[in-house]
């Protein structure tokens, strides 16, 4: 159940982003980092769901963790519905006061949900879940099953040397979708230096990816993007 919900949520995030770009409408501003973090965290928990769902039958703590994840997923689904509805109203109606209020409500809820999902991701570490299979991980990296999203999408793999970051990047590279750019073993911490480079790639087709591997968490920002 949780995996289905998360897949739907990722599709909804992509759909909203695509609609905003298509209609040149930005209802909710100032939450780009939270949205990127939410999407990244959803993919992170999705990668361990197979193991978690197997273990919930014999581990009550894991069962509770999955229940919390499911509850937050339903909350997120409700908020995305609100966001979609507010975007439709923004296009049809010209009530500036109502549109501003809707944007404020959605923005507040997005930030609250980002904090809740952060906690879920931190809690998963105590259970030592196994990742999904290699093919599943590559599909998650490539976002298969979620076609509507902003381009290019940046993914960061952070961890000590020797854990397989470059190997996973190579597997994803061998299964390209639009353009798939791998920046391996990055150390630069000045995010401003990346902006001209990233802006130049925004013309890439939907589904494009930039994958960054690094041992330094500061190289990809606090939210891993």
N, C-alpha and C. Protein backbone atom coordinates (compact mmCIF):
# COMPACT_ATOMS: atom_id res chain seq x y z
N UNK A 1 0.83 -1.21 0.00
CA UNK A 1 0.00 0.00 0.00
C UNK A 1 0.86 1.26 0.00
N UNK A 2 1.88 1.29 0.87
CA UNK A 2 2.74 2.48 0.98
C UNK A 2 3.46 2.75 -0.33
N UNK A 3 3.92 1.69 -0.99
CA UNK A 3 4.67 1.89 -2.24
C UNK A 3 3.77 2.49 -3.32
N UNK A 4 2.53 2.03 -3.37
CA UNK A 4 1.57 2.57 -4.35
C UNK A 4 1.32 4.05 -4.08
N UNK A 5 1.12 4.38 -2.80
CA UNK A 5 0.87 5.78 -2.42
C UNK A 5 2.04 6.68 -2.81
N UNK A 6 3.25 6.21 -2.53
CA UNK A 6 4.44 7.02 -2.83
C UNK A 6 4.60 7.22 -4.33
N UNK A 7 4.33 6.18 -5.11
CA UNK A 7 4.41 6.31 -6.57
C UNK A 7 3.41 7.34 -7.07
N UNK A 8 2.20 7.33 -6.51
CA UNK A 8 1.17 8.29 -6.89
C UNK A 8 1.60 9.71 -6.52
N UNK A 9 2.17 9.86 -5.33
CA UNK A 9 2.61 11.19 -4.88
C UNK A 9 3.70 11.75 -5.78
N UNK A 10 4.66 10.91 -6.16
CA UNK A 10 5.73 11.37 -7.05
C UNK A 10 5.16 11.81 -8.40
N UNK A 11 4.16 11.07 -8.90
CA UNK A 11 3.52 11.45 -10.15
C UNK A 11 2.79 12.78 -10.00
N UNK A 12 2.13 12.99 -8.84
CA UNK A 12 1.41 14.23 -8.60
C UNK A 12 2.35 15.43 -8.53
N UNK A 13 3.48 15.26 -7.84
CA UNK A 13 4.47 16.35 -7.79
C UNK A 13 4.93 16.71 -9.20
N UNK A 14 5.22 15.68 -10.00
CA UNK A 14 5.65 15.93 -11.36
C UNK A 14 4.57 16.61 -12.19
N UNK A 15 3.32 16.20 -11.99
CA UNK A 15 2.21 16.78 -12.74
C UNK A 15 2.01 18.25 -12.40
N UNK A 16 2.10 18.59 -11.12
CA UNK A 16 1.94 19.99 -10.70
C UNK A 16 3.05 20.85 -11.28
N UNK A 17 4.28 20.36 -11.19
CA UNK A 17 5.41 21.12 -11.71
C UNK A 17 5.29 21.35 -13.22
N UNK A 18 4.87 20.29 -13.93
CA UNK A 18 4.70 20.40 -15.37
C UNK A 18 3.60 21.39 -15.72
N UNK A 19 2.50 21.37 -14.95
CA UNK A 19 1.38 22.27 -15.22
C UNK A 19 1.78 23.72 -14.97
N UNK A 20 2.55 23.94 -13.90
CA UNK A 20 3.02 25.30 -13.62
C UNK A 20 3.88 25.83 -14.76
N UNK A 21 4.75 24.96 -15.27
CA UNK A 21 5.62 25.38 -16.38
C UNK A 21 4.82 25.64 -17.65
N UNK A 22 3.86 24.77 -17.92
CA UNK A 22 3.05 24.89 -19.13
C UNK A 22 2.17 26.14 -19.11
N UNK A 23 1.55 26.41 -17.96
CA UNK A 23 0.63 27.53 -17.83
C UNK A 23 1.32 28.81 -17.38
N UNK A 24 2.63 28.70 -17.07
CA UNK A 24 3.40 29.84 -16.57
C UNK A 24 2.73 30.44 -15.34
N UNK A 25 2.30 29.53 -14.45
CA UNK A 25 1.63 29.93 -13.21
C UNK A 25 2.47 29.46 -12.03
N UNK A 26 2.74 30.34 -11.10
CA UNK A 26 3.42 29.95 -9.86
C UNK A 26 2.54 30.37 -8.70
N UNK A 27 1.70 29.46 -8.26
CA UNK A 27 0.79 29.77 -7.15
C UNK A 27 1.56 29.84 -5.84
N UNK A 28 2.37 28.82 -5.58
CA UNK A 28 3.09 28.72 -4.32
C UNK A 28 4.57 28.97 -4.58
N UNK A 29 5.10 30.05 -4.05
CA UNK A 29 6.52 30.37 -4.24
C UNK A 29 7.25 30.21 -2.91
N UNK A 30 8.56 29.97 -2.99
CA UNK A 30 9.37 29.86 -1.78
C UNK A 30 9.40 28.48 -1.15
N UNK A 31 8.90 27.46 -1.88
CA UNK A 31 8.92 26.10 -1.33
C UNK A 31 9.67 25.13 -2.24
N UNK A 32 10.46 25.66 -3.17
CA UNK A 32 11.18 24.79 -4.11
C UNK A 32 12.06 23.78 -3.39
N UNK A 33 12.78 24.25 -2.36
CA UNK A 33 13.68 23.35 -1.62
C UNK A 33 12.88 22.28 -0.89
N UNK A 34 11.75 22.68 -0.27
CA UNK A 34 10.93 21.70 0.44
C UNK A 34 10.37 20.66 -0.51
N UNK A 35 9.93 21.10 -1.70
CA UNK A 35 9.38 20.16 -2.69
C UNK A 35 10.46 19.20 -3.16
N UNK A 36 11.67 19.71 -3.45
CA UNK A 36 12.77 18.83 -3.86
C UNK A 36 13.11 17.83 -2.75
N UNK A 37 13.09 18.33 -1.51
CA UNK A 37 13.40 17.46 -0.38
C UNK A 37 12.33 16.38 -0.21
N UNK A 38 11.06 16.77 -0.36
CA UNK A 38 9.97 15.80 -0.27
C UNK A 38 10.11 14.71 -1.33
N UNK A 39 10.38 15.12 -2.56
CA UNK A 39 10.53 14.14 -3.64
C UNK A 39 11.72 13.21 -3.37
N UNK A 40 12.83 13.79 -2.94
CA UNK A 40 14.02 12.99 -2.64
C UNK A 40 13.77 12.02 -1.49
N UNK A 41 13.11 12.49 -0.45
CA UNK A 41 12.82 11.63 0.70
C UNK A 41 11.83 10.53 0.35
N UNK A 42 10.86 10.84 -0.51
CA UNK A 42 9.92 9.80 -0.95
C UNK A 42 10.65 8.70 -1.71
N UNK A 43 11.60 9.08 -2.55
CA UNK A 43 12.38 8.07 -3.28
C UNK A 43 13.27 7.27 -2.32
N UNK A 44 13.76 7.95 -1.29
CA UNK A 44 14.61 7.26 -0.31
C UNK A 44 13.84 6.18 0.43
N UNK A 45 12.64 6.50 0.91
CA UNK A 45 11.87 5.49 1.65
C UNK A 45 11.33 4.41 0.70
N UNK A 46 11.04 4.81 -0.53
CA UNK A 46 10.55 3.82 -1.51
C UNK A 46 11.58 2.72 -1.74
N UNK A 47 12.87 3.09 -1.64
CA UNK A 47 13.95 2.13 -1.89
C UNK A 47 14.06 1.06 -0.82
N UNK A 48 13.42 1.26 0.35
CA UNK A 48 13.52 0.25 1.43
C UNK A 48 12.17 -0.39 1.76
N UNK A 49 11.13 -0.04 1.01
CA UNK A 49 9.79 -0.51 1.36
C UNK A 49 9.62 -2.02 1.24
N UNK A 50 10.26 -2.62 0.23
CA UNK A 50 10.13 -4.08 0.09
C UNK A 50 10.55 -4.79 1.37
N UNK A 51 11.70 -4.41 1.91
CA UNK A 51 12.19 -5.04 3.14
C UNK A 51 11.31 -4.69 4.33
N UNK A 52 10.91 -3.43 4.42
CA UNK A 52 10.09 -2.99 5.55
C UNK A 52 8.76 -3.74 5.59
N UNK A 53 8.13 -3.92 4.45
CA UNK A 53 6.83 -4.59 4.42
C UNK A 53 6.95 -6.08 4.75
N UNK A 54 8.09 -6.68 4.42
CA UNK A 54 8.31 -8.08 4.80
C UNK A 54 8.49 -8.21 6.31
N UNK A 55 9.16 -7.24 6.93
CA UNK A 55 9.51 -7.33 8.34
C UNK A 55 8.41 -6.88 9.29
N UNK A 56 7.39 -6.19 8.77
CA UNK A 56 6.36 -5.67 9.67
C UNK A 56 5.56 -6.77 10.36
N UNK A 57 5.53 -7.97 9.75
CA UNK A 57 4.76 -9.08 10.34
C UNK A 57 5.37 -9.54 11.66
N UNK A 58 6.67 -9.39 11.82
CA UNK A 58 7.35 -9.87 13.03
C UNK A 58 7.97 -8.75 13.86
N UNK A 59 7.86 -7.53 13.38
CA UNK A 59 8.49 -6.40 14.08
C UNK A 59 7.46 -5.28 14.23
N UNK A 60 6.98 -5.10 15.45
CA UNK A 60 5.93 -4.11 15.70
C UNK A 60 6.42 -2.69 15.43
N UNK A 61 7.69 -2.41 15.74
CA UNK A 61 8.23 -1.08 15.51
C UNK A 61 8.23 -0.73 14.02
N UNK A 62 8.60 -1.70 13.19
CA UNK A 62 8.58 -1.47 11.74
C UNK A 62 7.14 -1.26 11.26
N UNK A 63 6.22 -2.01 11.83
CA UNK A 63 4.81 -1.86 11.47
C UNK A 63 4.32 -0.45 11.78
N UNK A 64 4.71 0.08 12.93
CA UNK A 64 4.33 1.44 13.31
C UNK A 64 4.99 2.47 12.39
N UNK A 65 6.25 2.21 12.01
CA UNK A 65 6.95 3.11 11.10
C UNK A 65 6.22 3.20 9.75
N UNK A 66 5.79 2.05 9.25
CA UNK A 66 5.05 2.02 7.99
C UNK A 66 3.70 2.74 8.12
N UNK A 67 3.08 2.59 9.29
CA UNK A 67 1.79 3.27 9.52
C UNK A 67 1.98 4.78 9.51
N UNK A 68 3.05 5.25 10.15
CA UNK A 68 3.34 6.69 10.14
C UNK A 68 3.59 7.18 8.72
N UNK A 69 4.33 6.39 7.95
CA UNK A 69 4.61 6.75 6.56
C UNK A 69 3.31 6.80 5.75
N UNK A 70 2.44 5.84 5.98
CA UNK A 70 1.16 5.81 5.26
C UNK A 70 0.31 7.02 5.62
N UNK A 71 0.26 7.36 6.92
CA UNK A 71 -0.53 8.52 7.37
C UNK A 71 -0.02 9.82 6.73
N UNK A 72 1.30 9.98 6.72
CA UNK A 72 1.89 11.18 6.12
C UNK A 72 1.63 11.21 4.61
N UNK A 73 1.66 10.05 3.98
CA UNK A 73 1.39 9.97 2.54
C UNK A 73 -0.03 10.44 2.22
N UNK A 74 -0.99 10.02 3.05
CA UNK A 74 -2.37 10.47 2.85
C UNK A 74 -2.50 11.98 3.07
N UNK A 75 -1.81 12.48 4.09
CA UNK A 75 -1.80 13.93 4.32
C UNK A 75 -1.25 14.66 3.10
N UNK A 76 -0.16 14.12 2.57
CA UNK A 76 0.49 14.75 1.42
C UNK A 76 -0.44 14.72 0.21
N UNK A 77 -1.15 13.62 0.04
CA UNK A 77 -2.09 13.50 -1.07
C UNK A 77 -3.18 14.58 -0.97
N UNK A 78 -3.67 14.82 0.25
CA UNK A 78 -4.69 15.85 0.47
C UNK A 78 -4.14 17.24 0.11
N UNK A 79 -2.91 17.51 0.53
CA UNK A 79 -2.31 18.82 0.27
C UNK A 79 -2.09 19.03 -1.23
N UNK A 80 -1.65 17.98 -1.92
CA UNK A 80 -1.45 18.10 -3.37
C UNK A 80 -2.78 18.32 -4.09
N UNK A 81 -3.85 17.71 -3.58
CA UNK A 81 -5.18 17.97 -4.13
C UNK A 81 -5.56 19.44 -3.94
N UNK A 82 -5.27 19.97 -2.74
CA UNK A 82 -5.54 21.39 -2.48
C UNK A 82 -4.74 22.27 -3.43
N UNK A 83 -3.49 21.90 -3.65
CA UNK A 83 -2.62 22.68 -4.54
C UNK A 83 -3.17 22.67 -5.96
N UNK A 84 -3.58 21.50 -6.43
CA UNK A 84 -4.15 21.40 -7.77
C UNK A 84 -5.42 22.24 -7.91
N UNK A 85 -6.30 22.14 -6.91
CA UNK A 85 -7.54 22.90 -6.93
C UNK A 85 -7.28 24.40 -6.94
N UNK A 86 -6.33 24.82 -6.11
CA UNK A 86 -5.98 26.25 -6.03
C UNK A 86 -5.41 26.75 -7.36
N UNK A 87 -4.64 25.90 -8.07
CA UNK A 87 -4.10 26.28 -9.36
C UNK A 87 -5.20 26.46 -10.39
N UNK A 88 -6.20 25.59 -10.33
CA UNK A 88 -7.34 25.71 -11.25
C UNK A 88 -8.10 27.00 -10.99
N UNK A 89 -8.32 27.31 -9.70
CA UNK A 89 -9.01 28.55 -9.34
C UNK A 89 -8.22 29.77 -9.77
N UNK A 90 -6.89 29.68 -9.64
CA UNK A 90 -6.04 30.81 -10.02
C UNK A 90 -6.17 31.11 -11.51
N UNK A 91 -6.32 30.05 -12.30
CA UNK A 91 -6.43 30.22 -13.75
C UNK A 91 -7.80 30.77 -14.15
N UNK A 92 -8.85 30.35 -13.41
CA UNK A 92 -10.21 30.72 -13.79
C UNK A 92 -10.66 32.01 -13.11
N UNK A 93 -10.38 32.11 -11.80
CA UNK A 93 -10.86 33.25 -11.04
C UNK A 93 -9.75 34.28 -10.84
N UNK A 94 -10.14 35.51 -10.64
CA UNK A 94 -9.17 36.59 -10.46
C UNK A 94 -9.25 37.20 -9.06
N UNK A 95 -9.71 36.38 -8.12
CA UNK A 95 -9.83 36.86 -6.73
C UNK A 95 -8.44 36.80 -6.10
N UNK A 96 -7.73 37.89 -6.12
CA UNK A 96 -6.35 37.94 -5.65
C UNK A 96 -6.23 37.58 -4.18
N UNK A 97 -7.19 38.07 -3.37
CA UNK A 97 -7.14 37.80 -1.93
C UNK A 97 -7.29 36.31 -1.64
N UNK A 98 -8.25 35.67 -2.32
CA UNK A 98 -8.45 34.23 -2.12
C UNK A 98 -7.26 33.43 -2.61
N UNK A 99 -6.72 33.80 -3.77
CA UNK A 99 -5.56 33.09 -4.31
C UNK A 99 -4.35 33.21 -3.38
N UNK A 100 -4.16 34.38 -2.79
CA UNK A 100 -3.05 34.59 -1.85
C UNK A 100 -3.23 33.72 -0.62
N UNK A 101 -4.47 33.65 -0.13
CA UNK A 101 -4.76 32.83 1.06
C UNK A 101 -4.54 31.35 0.76
N UNK A 102 -4.99 30.89 -0.41
CA UNK A 102 -4.79 29.49 -0.79
C UNK A 102 -3.31 29.15 -0.87
N UNK A 103 -2.54 30.06 -1.46
CA UNK A 103 -1.10 29.85 -1.59
C UNK A 103 -0.43 29.76 -0.22
N UNK A 104 -0.87 30.63 0.70
CA UNK A 104 -0.29 30.64 2.05
C UNK A 104 -0.57 29.32 2.77
N UNK A 105 -1.81 28.84 2.64
CA UNK A 105 -2.19 27.58 3.31
C UNK A 105 -1.39 26.40 2.77
N UNK A 106 -1.29 26.32 1.45
CA UNK A 106 -0.54 25.21 0.83
C UNK A 106 0.93 25.27 1.20
N UNK A 107 1.51 26.47 1.16
CA UNK A 107 2.92 26.64 1.50
C UNK A 107 3.21 26.18 2.93
N UNK A 108 2.34 26.56 3.86
CA UNK A 108 2.52 26.17 5.27
C UNK A 108 2.46 24.66 5.42
N UNK A 109 1.49 24.03 4.75
CA UNK A 109 1.33 22.57 4.87
C UNK A 109 2.50 21.83 4.23
N UNK A 110 3.00 22.33 3.11
CA UNK A 110 4.15 21.70 2.45
C UNK A 110 5.36 21.69 3.39
N UNK A 111 5.60 22.81 4.05
CA UNK A 111 6.75 22.90 4.97
C UNK A 111 6.57 21.96 6.16
N UNK A 112 5.34 21.87 6.68
CA UNK A 112 5.07 20.97 7.80
C UNK A 112 5.30 19.51 7.40
N UNK A 113 4.81 19.14 6.22
CA UNK A 113 4.97 17.77 5.74
C UNK A 113 6.44 17.44 5.48
N UNK A 114 7.19 18.41 5.01
CA UNK A 114 8.62 18.19 4.77
C UNK A 114 9.32 17.83 6.07
N UNK A 115 8.97 18.52 7.14
CA UNK A 115 9.55 18.21 8.45
C UNK A 115 9.16 16.83 8.94
N UNK A 116 7.89 16.45 8.74
CA UNK A 116 7.41 15.13 9.18
C UNK A 116 8.11 14.01 8.41
N UNK A 117 8.26 14.21 7.09
CA UNK A 117 8.90 13.16 6.30
C UNK A 117 10.40 13.08 6.60
N UNK A 118 11.01 14.20 6.95
CA UNK A 118 12.41 14.18 7.39
C UNK A 118 12.57 13.24 8.58
N UNK A 119 11.63 13.32 9.51
CA UNK A 119 11.68 12.47 10.71
C UNK A 119 11.53 11.00 10.34
N UNK A 120 10.63 10.69 9.42
CA UNK A 120 10.44 9.32 8.94
C UNK A 120 11.74 8.77 8.34
N UNK A 121 12.40 9.59 7.54
CA UNK A 121 13.65 9.17 6.88
C UNK A 121 14.74 8.92 7.93
N UNK A 122 14.81 9.79 8.93
CA UNK A 122 15.81 9.58 10.00
C UNK A 122 15.52 8.30 10.78
N UNK A 123 14.25 8.03 11.05
CA UNK A 123 13.88 6.85 11.83
C UNK A 123 14.20 5.55 11.09
N UNK A 124 14.17 5.57 9.75
CA UNK A 124 14.40 4.34 9.01
C UNK A 124 15.79 3.79 9.27
N UNK A 125 16.74 4.68 9.62
CA UNK A 125 18.13 4.25 9.82
C UNK A 125 18.29 3.28 10.98
N UNK A 126 17.41 3.40 11.97
CA UNK A 126 17.55 2.52 13.15
C UNK A 126 17.16 1.07 12.85
N UNK A 127 16.45 0.84 11.74
CA UNK A 127 15.97 -0.51 11.43
C UNK A 127 16.90 -1.26 10.48
N UNK A 128 17.84 -0.57 9.87
CA UNK A 128 18.79 -1.25 8.98
C UNK A 128 18.13 -1.95 7.81
N UNK A 129 17.16 -1.29 7.18
CA UNK A 129 16.47 -1.89 6.05
C UNK A 129 17.42 -2.17 4.90
N UNK A 130 17.15 -3.25 4.17
CA UNK A 130 17.90 -3.54 2.95
C UNK A 130 17.27 -2.78 1.80
N UNK A 131 18.13 -2.32 0.87
CA UNK A 131 17.63 -1.63 -0.31
C UNK A 131 16.97 -2.61 -1.26
N UNK A 132 16.18 -2.07 -2.16
CA UNK A 132 15.56 -2.91 -3.18
C UNK A 132 16.62 -3.43 -4.12
N UNK A 133 16.22 -4.23 -5.09
CA UNK A 133 17.17 -4.83 -6.02
C UNK A 133 17.85 -3.76 -6.86
N UNK A 134 18.93 -4.15 -7.51
CA UNK A 134 19.69 -3.22 -8.34
C UNK A 134 18.81 -2.58 -9.41
N UNK A 135 17.98 -3.38 -10.08
CA UNK A 135 17.12 -2.84 -11.13
C UNK A 135 16.13 -1.83 -10.58
N UNK A 136 15.59 -2.12 -9.38
CA UNK A 136 14.64 -1.20 -8.76
C UNK A 136 15.33 0.13 -8.44
N UNK A 137 16.56 0.05 -7.94
CA UNK A 137 17.29 1.28 -7.61
C UNK A 137 17.53 2.13 -8.85
N UNK A 138 17.89 1.48 -9.95
CA UNK A 138 18.12 2.22 -11.20
C UNK A 138 16.82 2.86 -11.66
N UNK A 139 15.71 2.14 -11.55
CA UNK A 139 14.42 2.70 -11.95
C UNK A 139 14.03 3.89 -11.09
N UNK A 140 14.34 3.82 -9.79
CA UNK A 140 14.05 4.94 -8.89
C UNK A 140 14.89 6.15 -9.28
N UNK A 141 16.18 5.90 -9.58
CA UNK A 141 17.05 7.00 -10.00
C UNK A 141 16.54 7.66 -11.27
N UNK A 142 16.06 6.85 -12.20
CA UNK A 142 15.61 7.37 -13.47
C UNK A 142 14.18 7.89 -13.41
N UNK A 143 13.50 7.66 -12.29
CA UNK A 143 12.15 8.17 -12.14
C UNK A 143 11.15 7.46 -13.03
N UNK A 144 11.40 6.22 -13.39
CA UNK A 144 10.48 5.52 -14.27
C UNK A 144 9.13 5.35 -13.58
N UNK A 145 8.09 5.60 -14.32
CA UNK A 145 6.74 5.56 -13.76
C UNK A 145 6.27 6.92 -13.32
N UNK A 146 7.13 7.93 -13.42
CA UNK A 146 6.75 9.31 -13.09
C UNK A 146 7.26 10.21 -14.20
N UNK A 147 6.44 10.37 -15.25
CA UNK A 147 6.89 11.04 -16.46
C UNK A 147 6.84 12.55 -16.38
N UNK A 148 5.90 13.10 -15.56
CA UNK A 148 5.72 14.54 -15.56
C UNK A 148 6.48 15.17 -14.41
N UNK A 149 7.57 15.84 -14.73
CA UNK A 149 8.35 16.50 -13.71
C UNK A 149 9.24 17.55 -14.36
N UNK A 150 9.79 18.41 -13.54
CA UNK A 150 10.65 19.45 -14.12
C UNK A 150 11.94 18.82 -14.65
N UNK A 151 12.54 19.48 -15.61
CA UNK A 151 13.79 19.01 -16.19
C UNK A 151 14.82 20.13 -16.13
N UNK A 152 16.10 19.83 -15.92
CA UNK A 152 16.57 18.49 -15.58
C UNK A 152 16.39 18.23 -14.09
N UNK A 153 16.26 16.97 -13.71
CA UNK A 153 16.11 16.59 -12.30
C UNK A 153 17.48 16.20 -11.76
N UNK A 154 17.88 16.81 -10.64
CA UNK A 154 19.21 16.56 -10.08
C UNK A 154 19.11 15.56 -8.94
N UNK A 155 19.94 14.54 -8.97
CA UNK A 155 19.97 13.51 -7.93
C UNK A 155 21.37 13.48 -7.34
N UNK A 156 21.46 13.37 -6.01
CA UNK A 156 22.78 13.30 -5.36
C UNK A 156 22.91 11.98 -4.61
N UNK A 157 24.04 11.30 -4.80
CA UNK A 157 24.38 10.10 -4.04
C UNK A 157 25.54 10.47 -3.12
N UNK A 158 25.28 10.46 -1.83
CA UNK A 158 26.28 10.89 -0.85
C UNK A 158 26.70 9.71 0.02
N UNK A 159 28.00 9.54 0.22
CA UNK A 159 28.46 8.47 1.09
C UNK A 159 29.96 8.29 0.99
N UNK A 160 30.52 7.54 1.91
CA UNK A 160 31.96 7.32 1.93
C UNK A 160 32.40 6.53 0.71
N UNK A 161 33.70 6.57 0.44
CA UNK A 161 34.24 5.86 -0.71
C UNK A 161 34.07 4.36 -0.59
N UNK A 162 33.78 3.72 -1.72
CA UNK A 162 33.73 2.26 -1.76
C UNK A 162 32.37 1.64 -1.51
N UNK A 163 31.29 2.46 -1.36
CA UNK A 163 29.98 1.86 -1.06
C UNK A 163 29.17 1.61 -2.33
N UNK A 164 29.70 2.02 -3.49
CA UNK A 164 29.02 1.69 -4.75
C UNK A 164 28.31 2.84 -5.42
N UNK A 165 28.65 4.09 -5.06
CA UNK A 165 27.98 5.25 -5.67
C UNK A 165 28.25 5.29 -7.18
N UNK A 166 29.53 5.15 -7.55
CA UNK A 166 29.90 5.23 -8.96
C UNK A 166 29.33 4.06 -9.74
N UNK A 167 29.31 2.88 -9.14
CA UNK A 167 28.75 1.70 -9.81
C UNK A 167 27.27 1.91 -10.12
N UNK A 168 26.52 2.45 -9.15
CA UNK A 168 25.10 2.71 -9.36
C UNK A 168 24.90 3.76 -10.44
N UNK A 169 25.75 4.78 -10.43
CA UNK A 169 25.66 5.82 -11.47
C UNK A 169 25.91 5.22 -12.85
N UNK A 170 26.87 4.29 -12.95
CA UNK A 170 27.17 3.66 -14.23
C UNK A 170 26.00 2.81 -14.71
N UNK A 171 25.33 2.13 -13.79
CA UNK A 171 24.17 1.33 -14.15
C UNK A 171 23.05 2.20 -14.71
N UNK A 172 22.84 3.34 -14.04
CA UNK A 172 21.81 4.26 -14.51
C UNK A 172 22.20 4.86 -15.86
N UNK A 173 23.49 5.15 -16.02
CA UNK A 173 23.99 5.73 -17.27
C UNK A 173 23.76 4.78 -18.45
N UNK A 174 23.87 3.49 -18.18
CA UNK A 174 23.69 2.50 -19.24
C UNK A 174 22.23 2.32 -19.63
N UNK A 175 21.33 2.98 -18.89
CA UNK A 175 19.90 2.92 -19.21
C UNK A 175 19.38 4.35 -19.32
N UNK A 176 19.90 5.12 -20.29
CA UNK A 176 19.62 6.56 -20.33
C UNK A 176 18.20 6.90 -20.69
N UNK A 177 17.76 8.06 -20.27
CA UNK A 177 16.42 8.57 -20.55
C UNK A 177 16.58 10.04 -20.88
N UNK A 178 16.32 10.45 -22.15
CA UNK A 178 16.62 11.81 -22.60
C UNK A 178 18.13 12.01 -22.44
N UNK A 179 18.57 13.04 -21.65
CA UNK A 179 20.01 13.06 -21.35
C UNK A 179 20.23 12.69 -19.89
N UNK A 180 21.30 11.97 -19.65
CA UNK A 180 21.65 11.53 -18.29
C UNK A 180 23.11 11.91 -18.06
N UNK A 181 23.34 12.96 -17.26
CA UNK A 181 24.67 13.50 -17.03
C UNK A 181 25.16 13.07 -15.65
N UNK A 182 26.32 12.44 -15.60
CA UNK A 182 26.90 11.99 -14.32
C UNK A 182 28.09 12.86 -13.96
N UNK A 183 28.03 13.49 -12.77
CA UNK A 183 29.16 14.25 -12.23
C UNK A 183 29.70 13.45 -11.05
N UNK A 184 30.81 12.78 -11.27
CA UNK A 184 31.31 11.80 -10.29
C UNK A 184 32.34 12.41 -9.35
N UNK A 185 32.21 12.09 -8.04
CA UNK A 185 33.17 12.47 -7.01
C UNK A 185 33.35 13.99 -6.94
N UNK A 186 32.26 14.71 -6.73
CA UNK A 186 32.26 16.17 -6.69
C UNK A 186 32.64 16.66 -5.30
N UNK A 187 33.46 17.72 -5.23
CA UNK A 187 33.89 18.28 -3.96
C UNK A 187 33.54 19.76 -3.80
N UNK A 188 33.19 20.44 -4.89
CA UNK A 188 32.90 21.87 -4.84
C UNK A 188 31.73 22.16 -3.90
N UNK A 189 31.91 23.14 -2.99
CA UNK A 189 30.87 23.50 -2.02
C UNK A 189 30.17 24.81 -2.37
N UNK A 190 30.71 25.55 -3.34
CA UNK A 190 30.12 26.83 -3.72
C UNK A 190 28.98 26.58 -4.70
N UNK A 191 27.73 26.59 -4.20
CA UNK A 191 26.58 26.26 -5.03
C UNK A 191 26.36 27.27 -6.15
N UNK A 192 26.81 28.51 -5.97
CA UNK A 192 26.61 29.53 -7.00
C UNK A 192 27.33 29.18 -8.29
N UNK A 193 28.43 28.42 -8.16
CA UNK A 193 29.19 28.05 -9.35
C UNK A 193 28.42 27.08 -10.24
N UNK A 194 27.43 26.39 -9.64
CA UNK A 194 26.67 25.42 -10.41
C UNK A 194 25.52 26.05 -11.19
N UNK A 195 25.06 27.25 -10.77
CA UNK A 195 23.85 27.82 -11.35
C UNK A 195 23.93 28.04 -12.86
N UNK A 196 25.01 28.68 -13.39
CA UNK A 196 25.07 28.86 -14.85
C UNK A 196 25.03 27.53 -15.60
N UNK A 197 25.72 26.53 -15.03
CA UNK A 197 25.77 25.21 -15.65
C UNK A 197 24.39 24.56 -15.65
N UNK A 198 23.71 24.65 -14.49
CA UNK A 198 22.39 24.04 -14.39
C UNK A 198 21.37 24.76 -15.26
N UNK A 199 21.44 26.10 -15.30
CA UNK A 199 20.51 26.87 -16.13
C UNK A 199 20.66 26.53 -17.61
N UNK A 200 21.91 26.27 -18.01
CA UNK A 200 22.15 25.95 -19.42
C UNK A 200 21.52 24.62 -19.82
N UNK A 201 21.23 23.77 -18.83
CA UNK A 201 20.68 22.44 -19.13
C UNK A 201 19.16 22.37 -18.96
N UNK A 202 18.54 23.50 -18.60
CA UNK A 202 17.09 23.49 -18.39
C UNK A 202 16.30 23.25 -19.67
N UNK A 203 16.97 23.40 -20.80
CA UNK A 203 16.29 23.17 -22.07
C UNK A 203 16.19 21.69 -22.39
N UNK A 204 16.76 20.84 -21.55
CA UNK A 204 16.71 19.40 -21.79
C UNK A 204 15.29 18.88 -21.77
N UNK A 205 15.05 17.79 -22.47
CA UNK A 205 13.71 17.21 -22.54
C UNK A 205 13.27 16.70 -21.18
N UNK A 206 11.95 16.63 -21.00
CA UNK A 206 11.39 16.11 -19.76
C UNK A 206 11.89 14.70 -19.51
N UNK A 207 12.30 14.43 -18.30
CA UNK A 207 12.85 13.13 -17.96
C UNK A 207 14.36 13.12 -17.91
N UNK A 208 15.00 14.23 -18.23
CA UNK A 208 16.47 14.30 -18.17
C UNK A 208 16.94 14.24 -16.72
N UNK A 209 18.19 13.79 -16.52
CA UNK A 209 18.72 13.62 -15.17
C UNK A 209 20.14 14.15 -15.07
N UNK A 210 20.46 14.74 -13.91
CA UNK A 210 21.85 15.05 -13.55
C UNK A 210 22.11 14.30 -12.27
N UNK A 211 23.05 13.36 -12.29
CA UNK A 211 23.36 12.54 -11.12
C UNK A 211 24.72 12.95 -10.58
N UNK A 212 24.76 13.31 -9.30
CA UNK A 212 25.99 13.76 -8.64
C UNK A 212 26.38 12.74 -7.59
N UNK A 213 27.63 12.26 -7.62
CA UNK A 213 28.13 11.43 -6.52
C UNK A 213 29.19 12.22 -5.76
N UNK A 214 29.18 12.11 -4.45
CA UNK A 214 30.10 12.89 -3.63
C UNK A 214 30.27 12.24 -2.26
N UNK A 215 31.40 12.52 -1.63
CA UNK A 215 31.62 12.10 -0.25
C UNK A 215 31.32 13.23 0.71
N UNK A 216 31.04 14.40 0.17
CA UNK A 216 30.87 15.62 0.97
C UNK A 216 29.43 16.10 0.86
N UNK A 217 28.66 15.99 1.94
CA UNK A 217 27.25 16.37 1.91
C UNK A 217 27.06 17.83 1.55
N UNK A 218 28.03 18.71 1.90
CA UNK A 218 27.90 20.13 1.61
C UNK A 218 27.98 20.42 0.11
N UNK A 219 28.51 19.47 -0.64
CA UNK A 219 28.63 19.68 -2.08
C UNK A 219 27.29 19.67 -2.79
N UNK A 220 26.27 19.10 -2.15
CA UNK A 220 24.96 19.02 -2.82
C UNK A 220 23.87 19.70 -2.04
N UNK A 221 24.23 20.48 -1.01
CA UNK A 221 23.22 21.23 -0.25
C UNK A 221 22.67 20.42 0.89
N UNK A 222 21.94 21.09 1.80
CA UNK A 222 21.42 20.43 2.98
C UNK A 222 20.36 19.40 2.65
N UNK A 223 19.63 19.61 1.52
CA UNK A 223 18.55 18.69 1.18
C UNK A 223 18.97 17.62 0.19
N UNK A 224 20.31 17.56 -0.11
CA UNK A 224 20.80 16.53 -1.01
C UNK A 224 20.56 16.81 -2.46
N UNK A 225 20.28 18.10 -2.80
CA UNK A 225 20.01 18.47 -4.18
C UNK A 225 20.96 19.55 -4.60
